[in-house]
N, C-alpha and C. Protein backbone atom coordinates (compact mmCIF):
# COMPACT_ATOMS: atom_id res chain seq x y z
N MET A 1 122.50 135.15 114.71
CA MET A 1 123.49 135.01 113.68
C MET A 1 122.85 134.40 112.44
N LYS A 2 123.19 134.91 111.28
CA LYS A 2 122.63 134.41 110.03
C LYS A 2 123.44 133.21 109.56
N LEU A 3 122.75 132.12 109.27
CA LEU A 3 123.44 130.91 108.80
C LEU A 3 123.63 130.99 107.29
N LEU A 4 124.80 130.63 106.87
CA LEU A 4 125.10 130.59 105.45
C LEU A 4 125.17 129.14 105.00
N ALA A 5 125.76 128.88 103.88
CA ALA A 5 125.81 127.55 103.29
C ALA A 5 126.43 126.54 104.25
N LYS A 6 125.82 125.37 104.33
CA LYS A 6 126.32 124.20 105.06
C LYS A 6 126.62 124.51 106.53
N GLY A 7 125.78 125.32 107.18
CA GLY A 7 125.88 125.53 108.61
C GLY A 7 126.89 126.56 109.07
N PHE A 8 127.59 127.22 108.18
CA PHE A 8 128.53 128.26 108.60
C PHE A 8 127.77 129.54 108.89
N SER A 9 128.14 130.21 109.94
CA SER A 9 127.53 131.50 110.26
C SER A 9 128.49 132.60 109.85
N VAL A 10 128.01 133.84 109.89
CA VAL A 10 128.85 134.97 109.53
C VAL A 10 130.05 135.04 110.47
N ALA A 11 129.83 134.79 111.77
CA ALA A 11 130.93 134.85 112.75
C ALA A 11 131.97 133.78 112.44
N ALA A 12 131.54 132.57 112.11
CA ALA A 12 132.48 131.49 111.82
C ALA A 12 133.29 131.81 110.58
N LEU A 13 132.66 132.37 109.54
CA LEU A 13 133.39 132.71 108.33
C LEU A 13 134.37 133.85 108.58
N THR A 14 133.98 134.77 109.46
CA THR A 14 134.88 135.88 109.79
C THR A 14 136.13 135.36 110.48
N ILE A 15 135.96 134.41 111.38
CA ILE A 15 137.10 133.83 112.09
C ILE A 15 137.97 133.04 111.10
N LEU A 16 137.32 132.25 110.23
CA LEU A 16 138.07 131.42 109.29
C LEU A 16 138.87 132.24 108.29
N THR A 17 138.42 133.42 107.99
CA THR A 17 139.12 134.25 107.00
C THR A 17 140.04 135.27 107.65
N GLY A 18 140.30 135.10 108.93
CA GLY A 18 141.22 136.00 109.61
C GLY A 18 140.66 137.38 109.85
N GLY A 19 139.37 137.49 110.09
CA GLY A 19 138.75 138.77 110.39
C GLY A 19 138.19 139.48 109.18
N MET A 20 138.50 139.01 108.00
CA MET A 20 137.98 139.65 106.79
C MET A 20 136.62 139.04 106.48
N ILE A 21 135.63 139.89 106.27
CA ILE A 21 134.28 139.41 105.96
C ILE A 21 134.24 139.03 104.49
N VAL A 22 133.80 137.82 104.21
CA VAL A 22 133.76 137.29 102.85
C VAL A 22 132.32 136.92 102.54
N TRP A 23 131.88 137.27 101.34
CA TRP A 23 130.55 136.89 100.89
C TRP A 23 130.69 136.19 99.57
N ALA A 24 130.00 135.06 99.43
CA ALA A 24 130.01 134.33 98.16
C ALA A 24 128.63 133.78 97.91
N GLN A 25 128.20 133.84 96.70
CA GLN A 25 126.89 133.31 96.33
C GLN A 25 127.04 131.86 95.93
N GLN A 26 126.09 131.04 96.37
CA GLN A 26 126.13 129.62 96.01
C GLN A 26 125.83 129.48 94.53
N PRO A 27 126.48 128.54 93.87
CA PRO A 27 126.20 128.33 92.45
C PRO A 27 124.74 127.96 92.22
N GLY A 28 124.15 128.55 91.19
CA GLY A 28 122.78 128.21 90.83
C GLY A 28 121.74 129.02 91.57
N THR A 29 122.14 129.96 92.43
CA THR A 29 121.16 130.78 93.14
C THR A 29 121.25 132.19 92.63
N GLY A 30 120.13 132.89 92.68
CA GLY A 30 120.12 134.28 92.25
C GLY A 30 120.11 134.39 90.74
N THR A 31 120.25 135.62 90.29
CA THR A 31 120.27 135.86 88.85
C THR A 31 121.68 136.19 88.43
N PRO A 32 122.08 135.77 87.23
CA PRO A 32 123.43 136.07 86.76
C PRO A 32 123.57 137.56 86.47
N ALA A 33 124.74 138.09 86.62
CA ALA A 33 125.00 139.50 86.34
C ALA A 33 124.93 139.71 84.82
N PRO A 34 124.37 140.85 84.39
CA PRO A 34 124.30 141.10 82.95
C PRO A 34 125.70 141.30 82.40
N LYS A 35 125.89 140.84 81.17
CA LYS A 35 127.18 140.97 80.52
C LYS A 35 127.30 142.37 79.91
N ALA A 36 128.45 142.96 80.05
CA ALA A 36 128.71 144.28 79.48
C ALA A 36 128.98 144.12 77.99
N PRO A 37 128.60 145.12 77.18
CA PRO A 37 128.88 145.03 75.75
C PRO A 37 130.38 145.05 75.51
N ALA A 38 130.77 144.39 74.44
CA ALA A 38 132.19 144.33 74.10
C ALA A 38 132.66 145.70 73.66
N THR A 39 133.67 146.23 74.32
CA THR A 39 134.20 147.53 73.94
C THR A 39 135.70 147.42 73.76
N THR A 40 136.20 148.31 72.95
CA THR A 40 137.64 148.37 72.73
C THR A 40 138.10 149.74 73.22
N PRO A 41 138.81 149.80 74.35
CA PRO A 41 139.24 151.11 74.84
C PRO A 41 140.35 151.68 73.95
N ALA A 42 140.38 153.00 73.88
CA ALA A 42 141.42 153.66 73.11
C ALA A 42 142.74 153.57 73.86
N PRO A 43 143.84 153.51 73.15
CA PRO A 43 145.13 153.45 73.85
C PRO A 43 145.32 154.68 74.71
N PRO A 44 145.82 154.53 75.94
CA PRO A 44 145.93 155.67 76.85
C PRO A 44 146.95 156.71 76.40
N SER A 45 147.93 156.35 75.59
CA SER A 45 148.96 157.30 75.18
C SER A 45 148.55 158.12 73.96
N MET A 46 147.36 157.88 73.43
CA MET A 46 146.91 158.60 72.24
C MET A 46 145.92 159.69 72.62
N PRO A 47 146.36 160.92 72.82
CA PRO A 47 145.41 161.99 73.15
C PRO A 47 144.62 162.40 71.92
N THR A 48 143.45 162.95 72.16
CA THR A 48 142.63 163.45 71.05
C THR A 48 143.16 164.81 70.63
N PRO A 49 142.78 165.30 69.47
CA PRO A 49 143.33 166.56 68.99
C PRO A 49 143.15 167.73 69.95
N HIS A 50 142.05 167.78 70.67
CA HIS A 50 141.78 168.89 71.55
C HIS A 50 142.00 168.55 73.01
N GLY A 51 142.62 167.44 73.29
CA GLY A 51 142.92 167.04 74.65
C GLY A 51 141.75 166.41 75.38
N ALA A 52 140.64 166.18 74.70
CA ALA A 52 139.47 165.56 75.33
C ALA A 52 139.71 164.06 75.47
N PRO A 53 139.18 163.45 76.51
CA PRO A 53 139.35 162.00 76.66
C PRO A 53 138.62 161.26 75.56
N THR A 54 139.16 160.11 75.19
CA THR A 54 138.52 159.31 74.14
C THR A 54 137.54 158.34 74.75
N ALA A 55 136.45 158.12 74.07
CA ALA A 55 135.42 157.18 74.54
C ALA A 55 135.71 155.82 73.94
N PRO A 56 135.37 154.74 74.68
CA PRO A 56 135.55 153.41 74.11
C PRO A 56 134.61 153.21 72.93
N THR A 57 135.05 152.41 71.99
CA THR A 57 134.20 152.12 70.83
C THR A 57 133.54 150.77 71.03
N THR A 58 132.31 150.67 70.60
CA THR A 58 131.57 149.42 70.74
C THR A 58 131.88 148.53 69.56
N ALA A 59 132.03 147.23 69.82
CA ALA A 59 132.29 146.27 68.76
C ALA A 59 131.09 146.19 67.84
N PRO A 60 131.28 145.98 66.55
CA PRO A 60 130.15 145.89 65.62
C PRO A 60 129.31 144.66 65.92
N GLU A 61 128.00 144.84 65.77
CA GLU A 61 127.08 143.73 66.01
C GLU A 61 127.01 142.85 64.79
N THR A 62 126.76 141.56 65.01
CA THR A 62 126.64 140.64 63.89
C THR A 62 125.20 140.58 63.44
N ALA A 63 124.99 140.38 62.17
CA ALA A 63 123.64 140.29 61.62
C ALA A 63 123.03 138.94 61.99
N THR A 64 121.70 138.98 62.25
CA THR A 64 121.02 137.76 62.63
C THR A 64 120.17 137.21 61.49
N ALA A 65 120.18 137.88 60.36
CA ALA A 65 119.37 137.41 59.24
C ALA A 65 119.96 136.13 58.67
N THR A 66 119.08 135.33 58.08
CA THR A 66 119.50 134.08 57.47
C THR A 66 120.24 134.39 56.18
N PRO A 67 121.40 133.80 55.93
CA PRO A 67 122.11 134.04 54.67
C PRO A 67 121.28 133.59 53.49
N ALA A 68 121.48 134.24 52.34
CA ALA A 68 120.69 133.93 51.15
C ALA A 68 120.82 132.48 50.73
N ALA A 69 121.97 131.86 50.98
CA ALA A 69 122.19 130.48 50.56
C ALA A 69 121.29 129.50 51.31
N THR A 70 120.85 129.83 52.50
CA THR A 70 120.03 128.92 53.27
C THR A 70 118.55 129.30 53.28
N LYS A 71 118.19 130.34 52.55
CA LYS A 71 116.78 130.74 52.49
C LYS A 71 116.00 129.74 51.63
N VAL A 72 114.73 129.56 51.98
CA VAL A 72 113.86 128.63 51.25
C VAL A 72 113.13 129.41 50.16
N ASN A 73 113.25 128.92 48.93
CA ASN A 73 112.55 129.54 47.80
C ASN A 73 111.11 129.06 47.81
N ILE A 74 110.18 129.98 48.06
CA ILE A 74 108.76 129.59 48.17
C ILE A 74 108.14 129.22 46.83
N ASN A 75 108.82 129.48 45.72
CA ASN A 75 108.29 129.10 44.41
C ASN A 75 108.66 127.68 44.02
N THR A 76 109.68 127.10 44.65
CA THR A 76 110.10 125.75 44.29
C THR A 76 110.06 124.77 45.45
N ALA A 77 109.84 125.26 46.67
CA ALA A 77 109.89 124.41 47.86
C ALA A 77 108.71 123.46 47.93
N ASP A 78 108.99 122.25 48.42
CA ASP A 78 107.90 121.31 48.69
C ASP A 78 107.45 121.51 50.15
N GLU A 79 106.52 120.68 50.60
CA GLU A 79 105.97 120.82 51.95
C GLU A 79 107.06 120.67 53.02
N ALA A 80 107.97 119.73 52.84
CA ALA A 80 109.03 119.51 53.83
C ALA A 80 109.94 120.73 53.93
N ALA A 81 110.29 121.32 52.80
CA ALA A 81 111.16 122.50 52.82
C ALA A 81 110.45 123.68 53.46
N LEU A 82 109.16 123.84 53.17
CA LEU A 82 108.41 124.95 53.76
C LEU A 82 108.27 124.79 55.27
N THR A 83 108.04 123.57 55.74
CA THR A 83 107.89 123.37 57.18
C THR A 83 109.23 123.48 57.92
N SER A 84 110.34 123.49 57.19
CA SER A 84 111.64 123.70 57.85
C SER A 84 111.82 125.17 58.25
N VAL A 85 110.99 126.05 57.72
CA VAL A 85 111.03 127.47 58.07
C VAL A 85 110.31 127.65 59.40
N LYS A 86 110.99 128.28 60.34
CA LYS A 86 110.38 128.53 61.65
C LYS A 86 109.22 129.50 61.47
N GLY A 87 108.03 129.06 61.82
CA GLY A 87 106.83 129.87 61.66
C GLY A 87 105.88 129.33 60.61
N ILE A 88 106.35 128.36 59.82
CA ILE A 88 105.48 127.72 58.82
C ILE A 88 105.30 126.27 59.24
N GLY A 89 104.07 125.95 59.62
CA GLY A 89 103.74 124.58 59.98
C GLY A 89 103.14 123.86 58.79
N LYS A 90 102.59 122.66 59.05
CA LYS A 90 102.01 121.86 57.96
C LYS A 90 100.85 122.57 57.28
N SER A 91 99.97 123.18 58.08
CA SER A 91 98.78 123.80 57.48
C SER A 91 99.15 125.01 56.63
N ARG A 92 100.10 125.82 57.08
CA ARG A 92 100.54 126.96 56.26
C ARG A 92 101.27 126.49 55.01
N ALA A 93 102.09 125.44 55.15
CA ALA A 93 102.80 124.91 53.99
C ALA A 93 101.81 124.41 52.94
N LYS A 94 100.78 123.70 53.38
CA LYS A 94 99.77 123.20 52.43
C LYS A 94 99.02 124.35 51.78
N ALA A 95 98.74 125.41 52.54
CA ALA A 95 98.04 126.57 51.99
C ALA A 95 98.92 127.29 50.97
N ILE A 96 100.20 127.38 51.23
CA ILE A 96 101.13 128.01 50.28
C ILE A 96 101.20 127.20 48.99
N LEU A 97 101.30 125.87 49.12
CA LEU A 97 101.35 125.01 47.93
C LEU A 97 100.06 125.10 47.12
N ALA A 98 98.92 125.12 47.80
CA ALA A 98 97.63 125.21 47.11
C ALA A 98 97.51 126.54 46.38
N TYR A 99 97.91 127.63 47.03
CA TYR A 99 97.85 128.94 46.39
C TYR A 99 98.77 128.98 45.17
N ARG A 100 99.96 128.42 45.31
CA ARG A 100 100.94 128.43 44.21
C ARG A 100 100.43 127.62 43.02
N GLU A 101 99.79 126.47 43.30
CA GLU A 101 99.24 125.65 42.21
C GLU A 101 98.11 126.37 41.48
N LYS A 102 97.29 127.09 42.22
CA LYS A 102 96.14 127.76 41.64
C LYS A 102 96.52 129.06 40.93
N ASN A 103 97.47 129.83 41.50
CA ASN A 103 97.76 131.17 41.00
C ASN A 103 99.14 131.33 40.34
N GLY A 104 99.95 130.29 40.37
CA GLY A 104 101.28 130.40 39.78
C GLY A 104 102.31 130.89 40.79
N ALA A 105 103.48 131.19 40.29
CA ALA A 105 104.61 131.57 41.14
C ALA A 105 104.37 132.91 41.84
N PHE A 106 104.98 133.03 43.01
CA PHE A 106 104.93 134.29 43.76
C PHE A 106 105.90 135.26 43.11
N LYS A 107 105.48 136.53 43.00
CA LYS A 107 106.36 137.55 42.43
C LYS A 107 107.26 138.16 43.51
N SER A 108 106.81 138.16 44.75
CA SER A 108 107.61 138.67 45.86
C SER A 108 107.24 137.91 47.13
N VAL A 109 108.08 138.03 48.14
CA VAL A 109 107.82 137.38 49.42
C VAL A 109 106.54 137.94 50.04
N ASP A 110 106.28 139.23 49.82
CA ASP A 110 105.08 139.87 50.38
C ASP A 110 103.78 139.29 49.82
N ASP A 111 103.85 138.61 48.67
CA ASP A 111 102.66 137.99 48.09
C ASP A 111 102.10 136.88 49.00
N LEU A 112 102.88 136.42 49.95
CA LEU A 112 102.39 135.38 50.87
C LEU A 112 101.20 135.85 51.69
N THR A 113 101.02 137.17 51.82
CA THR A 113 99.86 137.67 52.55
C THR A 113 98.56 137.40 51.79
N LYS A 114 98.66 137.02 50.53
CA LYS A 114 97.48 136.65 49.75
C LYS A 114 97.02 135.23 50.07
N VAL A 115 97.90 134.46 50.73
CA VAL A 115 97.58 133.08 51.11
C VAL A 115 96.69 133.12 52.34
N LYS A 116 95.62 132.33 52.30
CA LYS A 116 94.69 132.29 53.43
C LYS A 116 95.43 131.83 54.70
N GLY A 117 95.29 132.63 55.77
CA GLY A 117 95.89 132.28 57.05
C GLY A 117 97.25 132.92 57.30
N ILE A 118 97.78 133.68 56.34
CA ILE A 118 99.07 134.36 56.53
C ILE A 118 98.84 135.86 56.48
N LYS A 119 98.95 136.47 57.62
CA LYS A 119 98.81 137.93 57.73
C LYS A 119 100.20 138.56 57.77
N GLU A 120 100.25 139.88 57.69
CA GLU A 120 101.54 140.59 57.67
C GLU A 120 102.36 140.32 58.93
N LYS A 121 101.69 140.24 60.08
CA LYS A 121 102.41 140.01 61.34
C LYS A 121 103.08 138.63 61.34
N ALA A 122 102.38 137.63 60.83
CA ALA A 122 102.95 136.28 60.75
C ALA A 122 104.09 136.25 59.73
N LEU A 123 103.91 136.91 58.60
CA LEU A 123 104.94 136.94 57.57
C LEU A 123 106.21 137.60 58.09
N ALA A 124 106.07 138.63 58.89
CA ALA A 124 107.24 139.33 59.43
C ALA A 124 108.12 138.41 60.27
N LYS A 125 107.53 137.39 60.88
CA LYS A 125 108.28 136.47 61.74
C LYS A 125 109.22 135.56 60.94
N PHE A 126 108.86 135.23 59.70
CA PHE A 126 109.71 134.31 58.93
C PHE A 126 110.14 134.87 57.58
N LYS A 127 109.91 136.14 57.36
CA LYS A 127 110.24 136.78 56.08
C LYS A 127 111.72 136.68 55.75
N ASP A 128 112.59 136.76 56.76
CA ASP A 128 114.03 136.72 56.51
C ASP A 128 114.55 135.31 56.23
N GLN A 129 113.68 134.30 56.31
CA GLN A 129 114.07 132.92 56.08
C GLN A 129 113.66 132.41 54.70
N ILE A 130 112.92 133.24 53.96
CA ILE A 130 112.39 132.79 52.66
C ILE A 130 112.82 133.75 51.56
N THR A 131 112.70 133.28 50.33
CA THR A 131 113.06 134.09 49.17
C THR A 131 112.17 133.70 47.99
N VAL A 132 112.19 134.55 46.96
CA VAL A 132 111.49 134.28 45.70
C VAL A 132 112.52 134.43 44.60
N GLU A 133 112.75 133.37 43.84
CA GLU A 133 113.73 133.42 42.74
C GLU A 133 113.08 133.02 41.45
């Protein structure tokens, strides 16, 4: 007989539930079931023009980009503001400030690839968090 939680066996659980076999997973064990996407089913009384069944519609996804109001302006930001951007540490912030002092304001966010130590792949990670004004 297979023992389940706290010494109960399958036979004991079957007797306790009146002959119905019950299975329950202990909290914190196994992997959680994946969540289904949010859908809105069509009303059942609304047929389609040609009598075909209607498919559920998927809810619109929300944007994950940082709003413009919270973006860091790389032309005016100090070291603390630059390091608040995920992906820019102290050394990158200092390199950005040094480049800006030597060469003037950035014309676009893509100009950050001219800064020593910032490649396109790194820029892509924090590009949506910064702006040039």
